[in-house]
Amino acid sequence: MAERKSTRVSKRQLGQYMTPQPLAKQIVASLKLNEHSRVLEPSFGTGSFLLEIIEKLMEYGEESIRDRYHRIMRDQVFGVEIDSTLYNQTISKVEMRWGPLPSDHNLVLGDYFKTEYFIGMFDYIIGNPPFGGTFDPLIEDQLDRWYGRWNGKKLKKETYSFFIARSLDFLAMGGVLVFISSDTFTTISTMQGLRRRLLDEAVVSINRLESFSDETSQPVVVLHATKGGPSDQVHIDGEEINRSQIELTGNFSWGLTGDMARFFSGPTLANYMVGTSGMTIGKNEYFVREIKDGSIVEPYFFDFFNDPITLEGERQRARLGQLSDRQVQKINTQEAVGETRRNVRVVLRPDPEVISLPHPDYKPYNKANTAIIFSQPKYVVYWKNNGDAVLTFKRNGNWYLHGVGGQPFFGREGLSWQLIAPRLRMRYLPSGYILDSGAPCGFLKPGVDQDELWFILGWAQTELATRILKGVINHTRNIQSKDLERLPYPWWVGRDEKKKIISLVRDMVDAGKKGRNFGTSDQEIRMLDQLFIAPPEIGCNITY
């Protein structure tokens, strides 16, 4: 299982990636601070921005240096830092440079989400908010209610995105937000609410940094937002993208640069397919077996038993370990009368059993792999009695394991691809598979001709499809099931070319079933690139 954020080492838990001093200096120098500017740095870390802000403000005013410094720290500079070590280090840096802070300074040791300011208080909010950090569990759900949606659209519960949302509240009209940020929010669907909020409330520009620091390889941008929207466009590296074009993408993507808008003037794959994720078991090693030479080795057997319900056990399973008063009362009653829940015990066999496939107790399991066009099954999952052992294990695990993703599509013919990959690696999925969360899938909608399955599989092999997907729809390494639905359907392909594509892809799948492994440089794949070429004039009649 993935490591929970709250159990990670402090630096990762807090999402700390420190800003190099030269970059902070460059950004602050570009801003029009003056003797009246109120400036907030909501996560000042080692003080890279804070020191430059003070230095810049010290240029204004006619008092003595000491009086000017005290005025700035009382009336103009505000800051928050959650890490006590970094806080004390930065205070020391400030005092070494300008002397002791006044007693009524505004540098707070604490959590930005618990630090209150007046709405519209600041002229500038500048910084490098934490990326991938954690929230205080006691206020996590409350923060999600405050910042997790914007006009019905999702704003992912991520430290940097909630920092941006909270900072917009504290920014004055005409005030400027300048944040160094992960670039992930520019295209992914779960950040659509943040993109919409920014354009609803501010004039926005994004500039990508060629390099940030040695601490992270995550692509980083500088977000510049002047409060006073709504805006009809966003500027990405100097290129203007109109809001009406952005709306065409289905997820309000800011990746719609160059000539990409023209591909979104027709239907998308959502007209033909439904995308879905698969199941997270939580302990694959208990139930999933690798196929070797047509057989598997089974080291376990599975014993069902009645497990007593206890308050302690239910707390361990609950989200954030929290139960409502009503739940506690119910569980106490169940515990008092000795109620039980059916559970499964995984028991190590004295001697592992070698099982030849196919076998009625095992189903092919759709784990991710790098194959395109077709892949023989590489794993099976123990699925006796329709997966009774697996589903019972999940129901008795932690709260986030209880759901069974993609269950209505188990066993259906479709398409599948690798979730985490730099390009779309799609393959045909024969009927009979149980679905794993690491390999999303797409299935034809009722009434759609099966030829569309081969046509879409062919489309997915092309460089153009990957360029649209990874440039506009979701530029991160993840390729979610809903990303597939948002991919434009190649409506520009003529009838004769479509027939050629369908025939070619069928032949390729047949060849894959006979043992051929396809690569992206193979002749047939390059033929598909040519057959899906879009004429220059397509989409040129769009008006925005």
Foldseek 3Di string as FASTA:
>chain_A
DDDDLVPDPDCLQQQDDDFPLVVLLVVLVVDDDELQFAEEAEAQFQNSNVVNNLVVHCVYDDDPSLVSSQCCQQHHYAYEHQDPVSLVNNLVVVCVVRHHHPPRGHYYHHHSVPDDDAFQAGQEYEEEWRWNHDDDVVCQVVLCVVQQAAPRFGQDSTRVLSVVVVVLRRHHQQGKYKYKYQPQLQFELNNLRSVQVQLAFWAWEKEWDPDTDPPDPGTIIIIITGGDDNDQWYHYNNDTDGQVLLVLLVRSHNLCDDPLSLLSPDAACLVWKFKWFFADLPCCVLWKFFDDPQKTWHFWDKDKDWAWQALVLVLQQEDVSDDDPVVSVVSVVSNVVGHTDIAMDIGTDPGIDIGGPDDPQKFQEDAADQFAADDDGGMITGQPPRNVRSQRHQCSHHPVNNDGIPVVCQQHWWKKHAFFAQFTRIYTDHGTYHYHRRIMTMDTDPPRDPLVRQLVSLVRLAPVQRCSLCRTNGVHRGCGRVSNRSGRDLPQQDPVLSVVSSVLSVVVNVVVVVPDTDDSPDPSSVVSNVRSDHDPCRSVPDDD
